[in-house]
């Protein structure tokens, strides 16, 4: 989202350069610089939108497995194959049992104290406990 804000600011400055350059009969270099800045702003916005769409990660939790969809990749891992869950900064590591395939990593793009990410971790812990037959003791 920061890239889109920068792009919008650059586009606004570029538009002002183009309009003021034409209205005040400033040298043609000002208009050319404004047009170049506008092209840069549009390119930055397009790149930001494309990367946002490609880097989006979707997690689907069901009673038997977790599905992680990242771009065009889709990985389904059963709860029974997950050995350890660790949080390392903005990353959530799902370490699988030996021989069960590659470990999984989920990156939190938001702040470290994100409520949604904490809720996701709590839900994963709950699903793992249920898969292993653990119950809450009252």
N, C-alpha and C. Protein backbone atom coordinates (compact mmCIF):
# COMPACT_ATOMS: atom_id res chain seq x y z
N UNK A 1 0.82 -1.19 0.00
CA UNK A 1 0.00 0.00 0.00
C UNK A 1 0.87 1.26 0.00
N UNK A 2 2.06 1.16 0.57
CA UNK A 2 2.94 2.31 0.59
C UNK A 2 3.35 2.72 -0.82
N UNK A 3 3.53 1.72 -1.68
CA UNK A 3 3.91 2.01 -3.07
C UNK A 3 2.81 2.76 -3.80
N UNK A 4 1.57 2.40 -3.50
CA UNK A 4 0.46 3.10 -4.15
C UNK A 4 0.37 4.55 -3.68
N UNK A 5 0.68 4.80 -2.41
CA UNK A 5 0.67 6.18 -1.90
C UNK A 5 1.78 7.00 -2.54
N UNK A 6 2.95 6.39 -2.68
CA UNK A 6 4.06 7.07 -3.34
C UNK A 6 3.72 7.35 -4.79
N UNK A 7 3.10 6.37 -5.44
CA UNK A 7 2.70 6.53 -6.83
C UNK A 7 1.69 7.65 -6.99
N UNK A 8 0.73 7.72 -6.09
CA UNK A 8 -0.28 8.78 -6.16
C UNK A 8 0.36 10.15 -5.95
N UNK A 9 1.28 10.25 -5.01
CA UNK A 9 1.98 11.52 -4.77
C UNK A 9 2.81 11.93 -5.97
N UNK A 10 3.51 10.96 -6.58
CA UNK A 10 4.31 11.27 -7.77
C UNK A 10 3.42 11.69 -8.93
N UNK A 11 2.27 11.05 -9.08
CA UNK A 11 1.35 11.41 -10.16
C UNK A 11 0.80 12.82 -9.95
N UNK A 12 0.52 13.17 -8.71
CA UNK A 12 0.02 14.51 -8.40
C UNK A 12 1.08 15.58 -8.72
N UNK A 13 2.31 15.32 -8.32
CA UNK A 13 3.40 16.25 -8.63
C UNK A 13 3.60 16.35 -10.14
N UNK A 14 3.55 15.21 -10.83
CA UNK A 14 3.72 15.21 -12.28
C UNK A 14 2.62 16.01 -12.97
N UNK A 15 1.39 15.82 -12.52
CA UNK A 15 0.28 16.57 -13.11
C UNK A 15 0.47 18.07 -12.89
N UNK A 16 0.90 18.45 -11.69
CA UNK A 16 1.13 19.87 -11.41
C UNK A 16 2.24 20.42 -12.29
N UNK A 17 3.29 19.63 -12.49
CA UNK A 17 4.39 20.08 -13.36
C UNK A 17 3.91 20.29 -14.79
N UNK A 18 3.10 19.37 -15.28
CA UNK A 18 2.61 19.47 -16.66
C UNK A 18 1.68 20.67 -16.82
N UNK A 19 0.73 20.82 -15.88
CA UNK A 19 -0.24 21.92 -15.97
C UNK A 19 0.44 23.27 -15.79
N UNK A 20 1.28 23.39 -14.76
CA UNK A 20 1.94 24.67 -14.52
C UNK A 20 2.96 24.99 -15.62
N UNK A 21 3.62 23.96 -16.14
CA UNK A 21 4.56 24.19 -17.24
C UNK A 21 3.88 24.74 -18.47
N UNK A 22 2.69 24.24 -18.75
CA UNK A 22 1.93 24.74 -19.90
C UNK A 22 1.32 26.10 -19.62
N UNK A 23 0.73 26.27 -18.44
CA UNK A 23 0.01 27.51 -18.12
C UNK A 23 0.96 28.70 -17.96
N UNK A 24 2.11 28.48 -17.41
CA UNK A 24 3.03 29.59 -17.14
C UNK A 24 4.13 29.73 -18.18
N UNK A 25 4.00 29.00 -19.28
CA UNK A 25 5.01 29.03 -20.35
C UNK A 25 6.42 28.78 -19.83
N UNK A 26 6.54 27.78 -18.97
CA UNK A 26 7.86 27.39 -18.46
C UNK A 26 8.59 26.60 -19.54
N UNK A 27 9.88 26.43 -19.39
CA UNK A 27 10.63 25.68 -20.41
C UNK A 27 10.05 24.28 -20.62
N UNK A 28 10.19 23.78 -21.83
CA UNK A 28 9.62 22.48 -22.21
C UNK A 28 10.20 21.35 -21.34
N UNK A 29 11.36 21.56 -20.77
CA UNK A 29 11.99 20.56 -19.91
C UNK A 29 11.10 20.23 -18.71
N UNK A 30 10.40 21.23 -18.19
CA UNK A 30 9.50 21.01 -17.04
C UNK A 30 8.36 20.08 -17.44
N UNK A 31 7.80 20.28 -18.61
CA UNK A 31 6.70 19.43 -19.08
C UNK A 31 7.22 18.01 -19.35
N UNK A 32 8.38 17.91 -19.94
CA UNK A 32 8.97 16.58 -20.21
C UNK A 32 9.28 15.86 -18.90
N UNK A 33 9.82 16.58 -17.93
CA UNK A 33 10.10 15.97 -16.62
C UNK A 33 8.80 15.53 -15.95
N UNK A 34 7.75 16.34 -16.08
CA UNK A 34 6.44 15.97 -15.52
C UNK A 34 5.88 14.74 -16.18
N UNK A 35 6.00 14.65 -17.51
CA UNK A 35 5.50 13.48 -18.22
C UNK A 35 6.29 12.23 -17.85
N UNK A 36 7.60 12.38 -17.69
CA UNK A 36 8.45 11.26 -17.28
C UNK A 36 8.07 10.79 -15.88
N UNK A 37 7.84 11.72 -15.00
CA UNK A 37 7.43 11.38 -13.63
C UNK A 37 6.06 10.71 -13.63
N UNK A 38 5.17 11.13 -14.50
CA UNK A 38 3.84 10.51 -14.59
C UNK A 38 3.96 9.06 -15.07
N UNK A 39 4.81 8.83 -16.06
CA UNK A 39 5.02 7.45 -16.54
C UNK A 39 5.59 6.59 -15.42
N UNK A 40 6.55 7.13 -14.66
CA UNK A 40 7.11 6.41 -13.53
C UNK A 40 6.03 6.09 -12.49
N UNK A 41 5.16 7.04 -12.19
CA UNK A 41 4.10 6.84 -11.20
C UNK A 41 3.13 5.75 -11.64
N UNK A 42 2.75 5.76 -12.90
CA UNK A 42 1.82 4.73 -13.41
C UNK A 42 2.49 3.36 -13.38
N UNK A 43 3.76 3.30 -13.79
CA UNK A 43 4.47 2.01 -13.76
C UNK A 43 4.60 1.48 -12.34
N UNK A 44 4.88 2.35 -11.39
CA UNK A 44 4.98 1.94 -9.99
C UNK A 44 3.64 1.42 -9.47
N UNK A 45 2.57 2.07 -9.84
CA UNK A 45 1.24 1.61 -9.41
C UNK A 45 0.91 0.24 -10.00
N UNK A 46 1.23 0.03 -11.27
CA UNK A 46 0.97 -1.26 -11.91
C UNK A 46 1.79 -2.37 -11.24
N UNK A 47 3.05 -2.11 -10.97
CA UNK A 47 3.91 -3.09 -10.31
C UNK A 47 3.38 -3.41 -8.91
N UNK A 48 2.95 -2.39 -8.19
CA UNK A 48 2.42 -2.61 -6.83
C UNK A 48 1.17 -3.49 -6.86
N UNK A 49 0.28 -3.24 -7.79
CA UNK A 49 -0.95 -4.04 -7.88
C UNK A 49 -0.64 -5.47 -8.28
N UNK A 50 0.26 -5.66 -9.25
CA UNK A 50 0.62 -7.00 -9.69
C UNK A 50 1.29 -7.78 -8.56
N UNK A 51 2.24 -7.16 -7.87
CA UNK A 51 2.92 -7.86 -6.77
C UNK A 51 1.98 -8.17 -5.62
N UNK A 52 1.06 -7.28 -5.35
CA UNK A 52 0.09 -7.53 -4.28
C UNK A 52 -0.76 -8.75 -4.62
N UNK A 53 -1.17 -8.85 -5.86
CA UNK A 53 -1.99 -10.00 -6.27
C UNK A 53 -1.17 -11.29 -6.28
N UNK A 54 0.08 -11.24 -6.71
CA UNK A 54 0.90 -12.44 -6.81
C UNK A 54 1.42 -12.90 -5.46
N UNK A 55 1.65 -11.98 -4.53
CA UNK A 55 2.23 -12.35 -3.24
C UNK A 55 1.18 -12.66 -2.17
N UNK A 56 -0.07 -12.57 -2.52
CA UNK A 56 -1.13 -12.84 -1.56
C UNK A 56 -1.12 -14.32 -1.18
N UNK A 57 -1.27 -14.59 0.10
CA UNK A 57 -1.31 -15.96 0.61
C UNK A 57 -2.68 -16.21 1.23
N UNK A 58 -3.27 -17.33 0.86
CA UNK A 58 -4.57 -17.72 1.40
C UNK A 58 -4.40 -19.02 2.17
N UNK A 59 -4.96 -19.07 3.37
CA UNK A 59 -4.92 -20.28 4.18
C UNK A 59 -6.34 -20.79 4.37
N UNK A 60 -6.51 -22.08 4.17
CA UNK A 60 -7.81 -22.73 4.38
C UNK A 60 -7.59 -23.81 5.43
N UNK A 61 -8.27 -23.68 6.55
CA UNK A 61 -8.14 -24.65 7.62
C UNK A 61 -9.40 -25.49 7.66
N UNK A 62 -9.23 -26.81 7.61
CA UNK A 62 -10.37 -27.70 7.78
C UNK A 62 -10.02 -28.71 8.86
N UNK A 63 -10.93 -29.58 9.24
CA UNK A 63 -10.64 -30.49 10.36
C UNK A 63 -9.46 -31.43 10.13
N UNK A 64 -9.13 -31.74 8.87
CA UNK A 64 -8.07 -32.72 8.62
C UNK A 64 -6.78 -32.12 8.08
N UNK A 65 -6.83 -30.90 7.54
CA UNK A 65 -5.62 -30.36 6.90
C UNK A 65 -5.64 -28.85 6.85
N UNK A 66 -4.48 -28.31 6.46
CA UNK A 66 -4.34 -26.89 6.19
C UNK A 66 -3.91 -26.76 4.73
N UNK A 67 -4.54 -25.86 4.01
CA UNK A 67 -4.20 -25.60 2.62
C UNK A 67 -3.63 -24.20 2.53
N UNK A 68 -2.45 -24.10 1.91
CA UNK A 68 -1.81 -22.79 1.74
C UNK A 68 -1.70 -22.53 0.25
N UNK A 69 -2.34 -21.45 -0.19
CA UNK A 69 -2.31 -21.06 -1.60
C UNK A 69 -1.51 -19.77 -1.69
N UNK A 70 -0.40 -19.84 -2.42
CA UNK A 70 0.48 -18.69 -2.57
C UNK A 70 0.74 -18.52 -4.07
N UNK A 71 0.10 -17.50 -4.66
CA UNK A 71 0.21 -17.32 -6.10
C UNK A 71 -0.46 -18.48 -6.80
N UNK A 72 0.30 -19.20 -7.61
CA UNK A 72 -0.25 -20.36 -8.33
C UNK A 72 0.06 -21.67 -7.62
N UNK A 73 0.81 -21.59 -6.53
CA UNK A 73 1.15 -22.80 -5.79
C UNK A 73 0.09 -23.09 -4.73
N UNK A 74 -0.22 -24.37 -4.62
CA UNK A 74 -1.21 -24.82 -3.63
C UNK A 74 -0.60 -26.03 -2.92
N UNK A 75 -0.59 -25.97 -1.61
CA UNK A 75 -0.02 -27.07 -0.82
C UNK A 75 -1.02 -27.45 0.27
N UNK A 76 -1.34 -28.72 0.33
CA UNK A 76 -2.24 -29.25 1.35
C UNK A 76 -1.43 -30.16 2.27
N UNK A 77 -1.49 -29.88 3.57
CA UNK A 77 -0.74 -30.66 4.55
C UNK A 77 -1.70 -31.08 5.66
N UNK A 78 -1.70 -32.35 5.95
CA UNK A 78 -2.54 -32.86 7.03
C UNK A 78 -2.01 -32.43 8.39
N UNK A 79 -2.92 -32.24 9.32
CA UNK A 79 -2.51 -31.82 10.66
C UNK A 79 -1.57 -32.83 11.28
N UNK A 80 -1.76 -34.10 10.97
CA UNK A 80 -0.93 -35.15 11.57
C UNK A 80 0.52 -35.09 11.09
N UNK A 81 0.78 -34.45 9.95
CA UNK A 81 2.15 -34.37 9.44
C UNK A 81 2.91 -33.15 9.97
N UNK A 82 2.23 -32.26 10.68
CA UNK A 82 2.89 -31.08 11.23
C UNK A 82 3.46 -31.44 12.60
N UNK A 83 4.76 -31.25 12.75
CA UNK A 83 5.44 -31.62 13.98
C UNK A 83 5.54 -30.44 14.95
N UNK A 84 6.02 -29.30 14.46
CA UNK A 84 6.26 -28.14 15.32
C UNK A 84 5.74 -26.89 14.63
N UNK A 85 5.18 -25.98 15.43
CA UNK A 85 4.77 -24.67 14.93
C UNK A 85 5.57 -23.63 15.69
N UNK A 86 6.27 -22.76 14.94
CA UNK A 86 7.08 -21.71 15.57
C UNK A 86 6.76 -20.37 14.94
N UNK A 87 6.85 -19.35 15.76
CA UNK A 87 6.71 -17.99 15.25
C UNK A 87 8.07 -17.32 15.36
N UNK A 88 8.58 -16.85 14.23
CA UNK A 88 9.86 -16.15 14.20
C UNK A 88 9.62 -14.78 13.57
N UNK A 89 9.43 -13.80 14.42
CA UNK A 89 9.14 -12.45 13.93
C UNK A 89 7.85 -12.44 13.14
N UNK A 90 7.90 -11.98 11.89
CA UNK A 90 6.67 -11.93 11.09
C UNK A 90 6.35 -13.25 10.39
N UNK A 91 7.14 -14.30 10.66
CA UNK A 91 6.94 -15.59 9.98
C UNK A 91 6.36 -16.63 10.93
N UNK A 92 5.48 -17.44 10.37
CA UNK A 92 4.95 -18.60 11.08
C UNK A 92 5.49 -19.82 10.36
N UNK A 93 6.26 -20.64 11.08
CA UNK A 93 6.87 -21.83 10.49
C UNK A 93 6.08 -23.05 10.92
N UNK A 94 5.65 -23.83 9.94
CA UNK A 94 4.98 -25.10 10.20
C UNK A 94 5.97 -26.18 9.78
N UNK A 95 6.63 -26.78 10.76
CA UNK A 95 7.67 -27.76 10.50
C UNK A 95 7.04 -29.14 10.47
N UNK A 96 7.21 -29.82 9.34
CA UNK A 96 6.58 -31.12 9.16
C UNK A 96 7.47 -32.25 9.67
N UNK A 97 6.86 -33.41 9.87
CA UNK A 97 7.59 -34.59 10.29
C UNK A 97 8.62 -34.96 9.22
N UNK A 98 9.74 -35.57 9.62
CA UNK A 98 10.73 -36.00 8.62
C UNK A 98 10.08 -36.93 7.58
N UNK A 99 10.37 -36.67 6.33
CA UNK A 99 9.82 -37.50 5.25
C UNK A 99 8.44 -37.07 4.80
N UNK A 100 7.90 -36.01 5.37
CA UNK A 100 6.55 -35.56 5.01
C UNK A 100 6.55 -34.42 4.00
N UNK A 101 7.71 -34.06 3.51
CA UNK A 101 7.78 -32.96 2.55
C UNK A 101 8.40 -31.73 3.19
N UNK A 102 8.43 -30.68 2.40
CA UNK A 102 9.05 -29.43 2.84
C UNK A 102 8.22 -28.74 3.92
N UNK A 103 8.91 -28.00 4.76
CA UNK A 103 8.22 -27.21 5.78
C UNK A 103 7.47 -26.07 5.12
N UNK A 104 6.50 -25.51 5.84
CA UNK A 104 5.69 -24.42 5.33
C UNK A 104 6.02 -23.13 6.06
N UNK A 105 5.96 -22.02 5.36
CA UNK A 105 6.20 -20.72 5.96
C UNK A 105 5.07 -19.78 5.54
N UNK A 106 4.50 -19.10 6.52
CA UNK A 106 3.48 -18.09 6.26
C UNK A 106 4.04 -16.77 6.77
N UNK A 107 4.07 -15.76 5.91
CA UNK A 107 4.63 -14.46 6.27
C UNK A 107 3.49 -13.50 6.55
N UNK A 108 3.60 -12.81 7.69
CA UNK A 108 2.62 -11.79 8.06
C UNK A 108 3.09 -10.44 7.52
N UNK A 109 2.37 -9.86 6.55
CA UNK A 109 2.82 -8.58 5.98
C UNK A 109 2.48 -7.37 6.85
N UNK A 110 1.73 -7.60 7.89
CA UNK A 110 1.30 -6.48 8.75
C UNK A 110 2.25 -6.32 9.93
N UNK A 111 1.85 -5.48 10.88
CA UNK A 111 2.65 -5.21 12.08
C UNK A 111 2.77 -6.48 12.94
N UNK A 112 3.78 -6.49 13.79
CA UNK A 112 4.05 -7.65 14.63
C UNK A 112 2.94 -8.01 15.60
N UNK A 113 2.16 -7.04 16.02
CA UNK A 113 1.07 -7.30 16.98
C UNK A 113 -0.28 -7.40 16.29
N UNK A 114 -0.29 -7.93 15.08
CA UNK A 114 -1.51 -8.06 14.29
C UNK A 114 -2.48 -9.06 14.95
N UNK A 115 -3.67 -8.62 15.23
CA UNK A 115 -4.68 -9.44 15.90
C UNK A 115 -5.09 -10.63 15.02
N UNK A 116 -5.21 -10.40 13.73
CA UNK A 116 -5.63 -11.45 12.81
C UNK A 116 -4.59 -12.58 12.76
N UNK A 117 -3.31 -12.24 12.75
CA UNK A 117 -2.25 -13.24 12.71
C UNK A 117 -2.23 -14.02 14.03
N UNK A 118 -2.43 -13.34 15.13
CA UNK A 118 -2.48 -14.02 16.43
C UNK A 118 -3.67 -14.98 16.49
N UNK A 119 -4.80 -14.57 15.93
CA UNK A 119 -5.99 -15.44 15.89
C UNK A 119 -5.72 -16.66 15.00
N UNK A 120 -5.00 -16.46 13.91
CA UNK A 120 -4.65 -17.58 13.03
C UNK A 120 -3.78 -18.59 13.79
N UNK A 121 -2.81 -18.11 14.52
CA UNK A 121 -1.93 -19.00 15.29
C UNK A 121 -2.73 -19.77 16.33
N UNK A 122 -3.64 -19.08 17.01
CA UNK A 122 -4.48 -19.75 18.02
C UNK A 122 -5.35 -20.82 17.39
N UNK A 123 -5.89 -20.54 16.21
CA UNK A 123 -6.74 -21.52 15.52
C UNK A 123 -5.93 -22.72 15.05
N UNK A 124 -4.72 -22.48 14.57
CA UNK A 124 -3.85 -23.59 14.17
C UNK A 124 -3.51 -24.46 15.37
N UNK A 125 -3.23 -23.82 16.51
CA UNK A 125 -2.94 -24.60 17.72
C UNK A 125 -4.15 -25.44 18.13
N UNK A 126 -5.33 -24.85 18.01
CA UNK A 126 -6.56 -25.58 18.36
C UNK A 126 -6.76 -26.78 17.43
N UNK A 127 -6.51 -26.60 16.14
CA UNK A 127 -6.68 -27.70 15.18
C UNK A 127 -5.65 -28.79 15.43
N UNK A 128 -4.42 -28.41 15.76
CA UNK A 128 -3.39 -29.40 16.06
C UNK A 128 -3.73 -30.17 17.33
N UNK A 129 -4.23 -29.48 18.35
CA UNK A 129 -4.63 -30.15 19.58
C UNK A 129 -5.76 -31.15 19.31
N UNK A 130 -6.73 -30.75 18.50
CA UNK A 130 -7.86 -31.63 18.18
C UNK A 130 -7.37 -32.85 17.41
N UNK A 131 -6.42 -32.66 16.49
CA UNK A 131 -5.90 -33.78 15.70
C UNK A 131 -5.16 -34.78 16.58
N UNK A 132 -4.50 -34.30 17.62
CA UNK A 132 -3.74 -35.16 18.49
C UNK A 132 -4.58 -35.74 19.64
N UNK A 133 -5.83 -35.32 19.70
CA UNK A 133 -6.73 -35.84 20.73
C UNK A 133 -6.65 -35.14 22.07
N UNK A 134 -6.01 -33.96 22.09
CA UNK A 134 -5.93 -33.19 23.33
C UNK A 134 -7.25 -32.48 23.57
N UNK A 135 -7.64 -32.41 24.84
CA UNK A 135 -8.83 -31.65 25.21
C UNK A 135 -8.46 -30.65 26.29
N UNK A 136 -9.27 -29.62 26.38
CA UNK A 136 -9.05 -28.63 27.41
C UNK A 136 -9.52 -29.17 28.75
N UNK A 137 -8.67 -29.04 29.78
CA UNK A 137 -9.00 -29.51 31.10
C UNK A 137 -9.66 -28.36 31.85
N UNK A 138 -10.80 -28.64 32.43
CA UNK A 138 -11.53 -27.60 33.17
C UNK A 138 -11.18 -27.59 34.62
